[in-house]
Amino acid sequence: MTIASEEGRRKLARSLAMSFGQLRRAALSGKAVGDLRPSEFQFLAALDVLCANSGDERKRGVKISAVCSAFRITQAAATHKLKVLEEKGYAARTESAEDKRVALVRPTAAGERLVAEQEQRFLDLFAGLVEHLGEADSARLETLLQSSLRYFAERGGLTVEPS
């Protein structure tokens, strides 16, 4: 597509920026998940992923420091979120079998269930989008989004996780 004028390019760029802004605001306006704040649920989901990826540690948990590194938060912030999750029955803390000074954390069965339910709702939402747009437009949207992410990573200094 060729845009004939500079004014047309700027108008389209402004429209794209507004659309990306709307998507960003929609993503950041997280809603409570059950009795958890959005940040508490995100912490629980990150903990679930870390434990799932830790192999044999799955049953016992992961070190709090691993959660801090993955979530890029301080030990104090992680401890606070963990305390809330423990009080609500979504996470548990245990001693390491190798070193009694080390605390391991993991989601409880209730925490794993909540994360799985939310993941399913999220996937259902996007399945609805695919149905709404159709397969061809959905595939095109995915291609355009990936291309946009590469552009921003190269030129905008945006950190993009590989898909």
C-alpha atoms as a PDB file:
ATOM      1  CA  MET A   1       0.000   0.000   0.000  1.00  0.00           C
ATOM      2  CA  THR A   2       1.342   3.400  -0.969  1.00  0.00           C
ATOM      3  CA  ILE A   3       0.189   6.527   0.817  1.00  0.00           C
ATOM      4  CA  ALA A   4       0.238   9.512  -1.505  1.00  0.00           C
ATOM      5  CA  SER A   5       0.883  12.246   1.008  1.00  0.00           C
ATOM      6  CA  GLU A   6       2.832  12.912   4.183  1.00  0.00           C
ATOM      7  CA  GLU A   7      -0.464  13.989   5.771  1.00  0.00           C
ATOM      8  CA  GLY A   8      -1.980  10.575   4.938  1.00  0.00           C
ATOM      9  CA  ARG A   9       1.011   8.767   6.480  1.00  0.00           C
ATOM     10  CA  ARG A  10       0.775  10.844   9.652  1.00  0.00           C
ATOM     11  CA  LYS A  11      -2.971  10.272   9.926  1.00  0.00           C
ATOM     12  CA  LEU A  12      -2.500   6.512   9.567  1.00  0.00           C
ATOM     13  CA  ALA A  13       0.417   6.528  12.040  1.00  0.00           C
ATOM     14  CA  ARG A  14      -1.731   8.421  14.570  1.00  0.00           C
ATOM     15  CA  SER A  15      -4.570   5.937  14.096  1.00  0.00           C
ATOM     16  CA  LEU A  16      -2.201   2.978  14.604  1.00  0.00           C
ATOM     17  CA  ALA A  17      -0.724   4.590  17.721  1.00  0.00           C
ATOM     18  CA  MET A  18      -4.222   5.111  19.143  1.00  0.00           C
ATOM     19  CA  SER A  19      -5.173   1.492  18.426  1.00  0.00           C
ATOM     20  CA  PHE A  20      -2.013   0.171  20.084  1.00  0.00           C
ATOM     21  CA  GLY A  21      -2.715   2.495  23.014  1.00  0.00           C
ATOM     22  CA  GLN A  22      -6.221   1.080  23.372  1.00  0.00           C
ATOM     23  CA  LEU A  23      -4.822  -2.463  23.382  1.00  0.00           C
ATOM     24  CA  ARG A  24      -2.227  -1.487  25.988  1.00  0.00           C
ATOM     25  CA  ARG A  25      -4.823   0.132  28.250  1.00  0.00           C
ATOM     26  CA  ALA A  26      -7.109  -2.868  27.875  1.00  0.00           C
ATOM     27  CA  ALA A  27      -4.261  -5.200  28.863  1.00  0.00           C
ATOM     28  CA  LEU A  28      -3.234  -3.050  31.827  1.00  0.00           C
ATOM     29  CA  SER A  29      -6.738  -2.552  33.164  1.00  0.00           C
ATOM     30  CA  GLY A  30      -6.603  -5.953  34.742  1.00  0.00           C
ATOM     31  CA  LYS A  31      -9.602  -7.153  36.617  1.00  0.00           C
ATOM     32  CA  ALA A  32      -9.540  -9.084  39.828  1.00  0.00           C
ATOM     33  CA  VAL A  33      -9.316 -12.836  39.375  1.00  0.00           C
ATOM     34  CA  GLY A  34     -11.521 -14.416  41.995  1.00  0.00           C
ATOM     35  CA  ASP A  35     -10.365 -12.906  45.273  1.00  0.00           C
ATOM     36  CA  LEU A  36      -6.937 -11.878  43.922  1.00  0.00           C
ATOM     37  CA  ARG A  37      -5.747  -8.530  42.626  1.00  0.00           C
ATOM     38  CA  PRO A  38      -4.341  -8.612  39.082  1.00  0.00           C
ATOM     39  CA  SER A  39      -0.739  -8.384  40.358  1.00  0.00           C
ATOM     40  CA  GLU A  40      -1.331 -11.217  42.831  1.00  0.00           C
ATOM     41  CA  PHE A  41      -2.753 -13.433  40.104  1.00  0.00           C
ATOM     42  CA  GLN A  42       0.162 -12.599  37.777  1.00  0.00           C
ATOM     43  CA  PHE A  43       2.542 -13.605  40.554  1.00  0.00           C
ATOM     44  CA  LEU A  44       0.650 -16.887  41.060  1.00  0.00           C
ATOM     45  CA  ALA A  45       0.694 -17.581  37.306  1.00  0.00           C
ATOM     46  CA  ALA A  46       4.450 -16.884  37.152  1.00  0.00           C
ATOM     47  CA  LEU A  47       5.005 -19.182  40.127  1.00  0.00           C
ATOM     48  CA  ASP A  48       2.958 -21.892  38.403  1.00  0.00           C
ATOM     49  CA  VAL A  49       5.059 -21.609  35.226  1.00  0.00           C
ATOM     50  CA  LEU A  50       8.335 -21.624  37.159  1.00  0.00           C
ATOM     51  CA  CYS A  51       7.324 -24.722  39.089  1.00  0.00           C
ATOM     52  CA  ALA A  52       6.074 -26.474  35.953  1.00  0.00           C
ATOM     53  CA  ASN A  53       9.414 -25.790  34.247  1.00  0.00           C
ATOM     54  CA  SER A  54      11.545 -26.888  37.198  1.00  0.00           C
ATOM     55  CA  GLY A  55      11.301 -30.627  36.563  1.00  0.00           C
ATOM     56  CA  ASP A  56      11.582 -32.710  39.739  1.00  0.00           C
ATOM     57  CA  GLU A  57      11.080 -29.643  41.924  1.00  0.00           C
ATOM     58  CA  ARG A  58       7.428 -29.431  40.779  1.00  0.00           C
ATOM     59  CA  LYS A  59       6.117 -31.195  43.864  1.00  0.00           C
ATOM     60  CA  ARG A  60       8.313 -29.233  46.267  1.00  0.00           C
ATOM     61  CA  GLY A  61       8.531 -25.806  44.656  1.00  0.00           C
ATOM     62  CA  VAL A  62      11.116 -23.206  43.667  1.00  0.00           C
ATOM     63  CA  LYS A  63      13.245 -20.780  45.624  1.00  0.00           C
ATOM     64  CA  ILE A  64      11.748 -17.372  46.281  1.00  0.00           C
ATOM     65  CA  SER A  65      14.858 -15.836  44.687  1.00  0.00           C
ATOM     66  CA  ALA A  66      13.957 -17.596  41.400  1.00  0.00           C
ATOM     67  CA  VAL A  67      10.509 -16.010  41.513  1.00  0.00           C
ATOM     68  CA  CYS A  68      12.095 -12.597  42.226  1.00  0.00           C
ATOM     69  CA  SER A  69      14.424 -12.948  39.234  1.00  0.00           C
ATOM     70  CA  ALA A  70      11.712 -14.144  36.871  1.00  0.00           C
ATOM     71  CA  PHE A  71       9.217 -11.499  37.971  1.00  0.00           C
ATOM     72  CA  ARG A  72      11.879  -8.770  38.409  1.00  0.00           C
ATOM     73  CA  ILE A  73      10.718  -7.803  41.885  1.00  0.00           C
ATOM     74  CA  THR A  74      12.404  -7.436  45.250  1.00  0.00           C
ATOM     75  CA  GLN A  75      12.430 -10.162  47.868  1.00  0.00           C
ATOM     76  CA  ALA A  76      10.173  -7.986  50.052  1.00  0.00           C
ATOM     77  CA  ALA A  77       7.575  -7.607  47.285  1.00  0.00           C
ATOM     78  CA  ALA A  78       7.663 -11.332  46.530  1.00  0.00           C
ATOM     79  CA  THR A  79       7.288 -12.172  50.218  1.00  0.00           C
ATOM     80  CA  HIS A  80       4.289  -9.844  50.497  1.00  0.00           C
ATOM     81  CA  LYS A  81       2.535 -11.359  47.467  1.00  0.00           C
ATOM     82  CA  LEU A  82       3.361 -14.853  48.653  1.00  0.00           C
ATOM     83  CA  LYS A  83       1.881 -14.107  52.080  1.00  0.00           C
ATOM     84  CA  VAL A  84      -1.414 -13.043  50.466  1.00  0.00           C
ATOM     85  CA  LEU A  85      -1.450 -16.176  48.283  1.00  0.00           C
ATOM     86  CA  GLU A  86      -0.720 -18.401  51.284  1.00  0.00           C
ATOM     87  CA  GLU A  87      -3.486 -16.777  53.342  1.00  0.00           C
ATOM     88  CA  LYS A  88      -5.967 -17.402  50.534  1.00  0.00           C
ATOM     89  CA  GLY A  89      -4.831 -20.986  50.021  1.00  0.00           C
ATOM     90  CA  TYR A  90      -3.273 -20.535  46.563  1.00  0.00           C
ATOM     91  CA  ALA A  91       0.405 -21.059  47.472  1.00  0.00           C
ATOM     92  CA  ALA A  92       2.434 -22.999  50.014  1.00  0.00           C
ATOM     93  CA  ARG A  93       5.930 -22.635  51.421  1.00  0.00           C
ATOM     94  CA  THR A  94       8.057 -25.649  52.417  1.00  0.00           C
ATOM     95  CA  GLU A  95      11.624 -26.319  53.510  1.00  0.00           C
ATOM     96  CA  SER A  96      14.134 -27.601  51.016  1.00  0.00           C
ATOM     97  CA  ALA A  97      15.063 -31.231  51.649  1.00  0.00           C
ATOM     98  CA  GLU A  98      18.700 -30.404  50.805  1.00  0.00           C
ATOM     99  CA  ASP A  99      19.009 -27.243  52.915  1.00  0.00           C
ATOM    100  CA  LYS A 100      16.571 -26.533  55.745  1.00  0.00           C
ATOM    101  CA  ARG A 101      17.452 -22.803  55.575  1.00  0.00           C
ATOM    102  CA  VAL A 102      16.004 -22.553  52.060  1.00  0.00           C
ATOM    103  CA  ALA A 103      12.279 -21.983  51.590  1.00  0.00           C
ATOM    104  CA  LEU A 104      10.595 -23.384  48.499  1.00  0.00           C
ATOM    105  CA  VAL A 105       7.285 -22.033  47.230  1.00  0.00           C
ATOM    106  CA  ARG A 106       4.703 -23.602  44.968  1.00  0.00           C
ATOM    107  CA  PRO A 107       1.073 -23.167  44.004  1.00  0.00           C
ATOM    108  CA  THR A 108      -1.381 -25.376  45.865  1.00  0.00           C
ATOM    109  CA  ALA A 109      -3.935 -27.487  43.999  1.00  0.00           C
ATOM    110  CA  ALA A 110      -6.373 -24.556  44.341  1.00  0.00           C
ATOM    111  CA  GLY A 111      -3.761 -22.199  42.885  1.00  0.00           C
ATOM    112  CA  GLU A 112      -3.024 -24.521  39.970  1.00  0.00           C
ATOM    113  CA  ARG A 113      -6.762 -24.848  39.306  1.00  0.00           C
ATOM    114  CA  LEU A 114      -7.260 -21.061  39.301  1.00  0.00           C
ATOM    115  CA  VAL A 115      -4.365 -20.548  36.863  1.00  0.00           C
ATOM    116  CA  ALA A 116      -5.651 -23.317  34.572  1.00  0.00           C
ATOM    117  CA  GLU A 117      -9.171 -21.834  34.580  1.00  0.00           C
ATOM    118  CA  GLN A 118      -7.862 -18.372  33.692  1.00  0.00           C
ATOM    119  CA  GLU A 119      -5.627 -19.750  30.939  1.00  0.00           C
ATOM    120  CA  GLN A 120      -8.663 -21.517  29.450  1.00  0.00           C
ATOM    121  CA  ARG A 121     -10.754 -18.308  29.598  1.00  0.00           C
ATOM    122  CA  PHE A 122      -7.928 -16.422  27.903  1.00  0.00           C
ATOM    123  CA  LEU A 123      -7.613 -19.007  25.118  1.00  0.00           C
ATOM    124  CA  ASP A 124     -11.395 -19.072  24.694  1.00  0.00           C
ATOM    125  CA  LEU A 125     -11.357 -15.289  24.233  1.00  0.00           C
ATOM    126  CA  PHE A 126      -8.830 -15.572  21.413  1.00  0.00           C
ATOM    127  CA  ALA A 127     -10.657 -18.542  19.891  1.00  0.00           C
ATOM    128  CA  GLY A 128     -13.682 -16.234  19.751  1.00  0.00           C
ATOM    129  CA  LEU A 129     -11.558 -13.602  18.020  1.00  0.00           C
ATOM    130  CA  VAL A 130     -10.436 -16.174  15.422  1.00  0.00           C
ATOM    131  CA  GLU A 131     -14.077 -17.089  14.842  1.00  0.00           C
ATOM    132  CA  HIS A 132     -15.011 -13.410  14.581  1.00  0.00           C
ATOM    133  CA  LEU A 133     -12.220 -12.519  12.137  1.00  0.00           C
ATOM    134  CA  GLY A 134     -12.038 -15.803  10.266  1.00  0.00           C
ATOM    135  CA  GLU A 135      -8.937 -17.928   9.811  1.00  0.00           C
ATOM    136  CA  ALA A 136      -7.387 -15.908   6.989  1.00  0.00           C
ATOM    137  CA  ASP A 137      -7.685 -12.538   8.741  1.00  0.00           C
ATOM    138  CA  SER A 138      -6.545 -14.073  12.038  1.00  0.00           C
ATOM    139  CA  ALA A 139      -3.438 -15.503  10.384  1.00  0.00           C
ATOM    140  CA  ARG A 140      -2.785 -12.144   8.722  1.00  0.00           C
ATOM    141  CA  LEU A 141      -3.225 -10.350  12.062  1.00  0.00           C
ATOM    142  CA  GLU A 142      -0.734 -12.725  13.696  1.00  0.00           C
ATOM    143  CA  THR A 143       1.785 -12.082  10.907  1.00  0.00           C
ATOM    144  CA  LEU A 144       1.332  -8.313  11.205  1.00  0.00           C
ATOM    145  CA  LEU A 145       1.639  -8.378  14.999  1.00  0.00           C
ATOM    146  CA  GLN A 146       4.847 -10.438  14.850  1.00  0.00           C
ATOM    147  CA  SER A 147       6.261  -8.076  12.226  1.00  0.00           C
ATOM    148  CA  SER A 148       5.281  -5.090  14.398  1.00  0.00           C
ATOM    149  CA  LEU A 149       6.958  -6.614  17.446  1.00  0.00           C
ATOM    150  CA  ARG A 150      10.163  -7.173  15.479  1.00  0.00           C
ATOM    151  CA  TYR A 151      10.047  -3.561  14.250  1.00  0.00           C
ATOM    152  CA  PHE A 152       9.618  -2.178  17.776  1.00  0.00           C
ATOM    153  CA  ALA A 153      12.325  -4.466  19.146  1.00  0.00           C
ATOM    154  CA  GLU A 154      14.779  -3.278  16.482  1.00  0.00           C
ATOM    155  CA  ARG A 155      13.934   0.425  16.461  1.00  0.00           C
ATOM    156  CA  GLY A 156      12.046   1.214  19.600  1.00  0.00           C
ATOM    157  CA  GLY A 157      14.186  -0.499  22.165  1.00  0.00           C
ATOM    158  CA  LEU A 158      11.225  -2.676  23.131  1.00  0.00           C
ATOM    159  CA  THR A 159      12.064  -5.944  24.830  1.00  0.00           C
ATOM    160  CA  VAL A 160      10.161  -8.688  23.048  1.00  0.00           C
ATOM    161  CA  GLU A 161      10.013 -12.267  24.292  1.00  0.00           C
ATOM    162  CA  PRO A 162      10.306 -14.915  21.577  1.00  0.00           C
ATOM    163  CA  SER A 163       7.044 -16.627  20.708  1.00  0.00           C
END
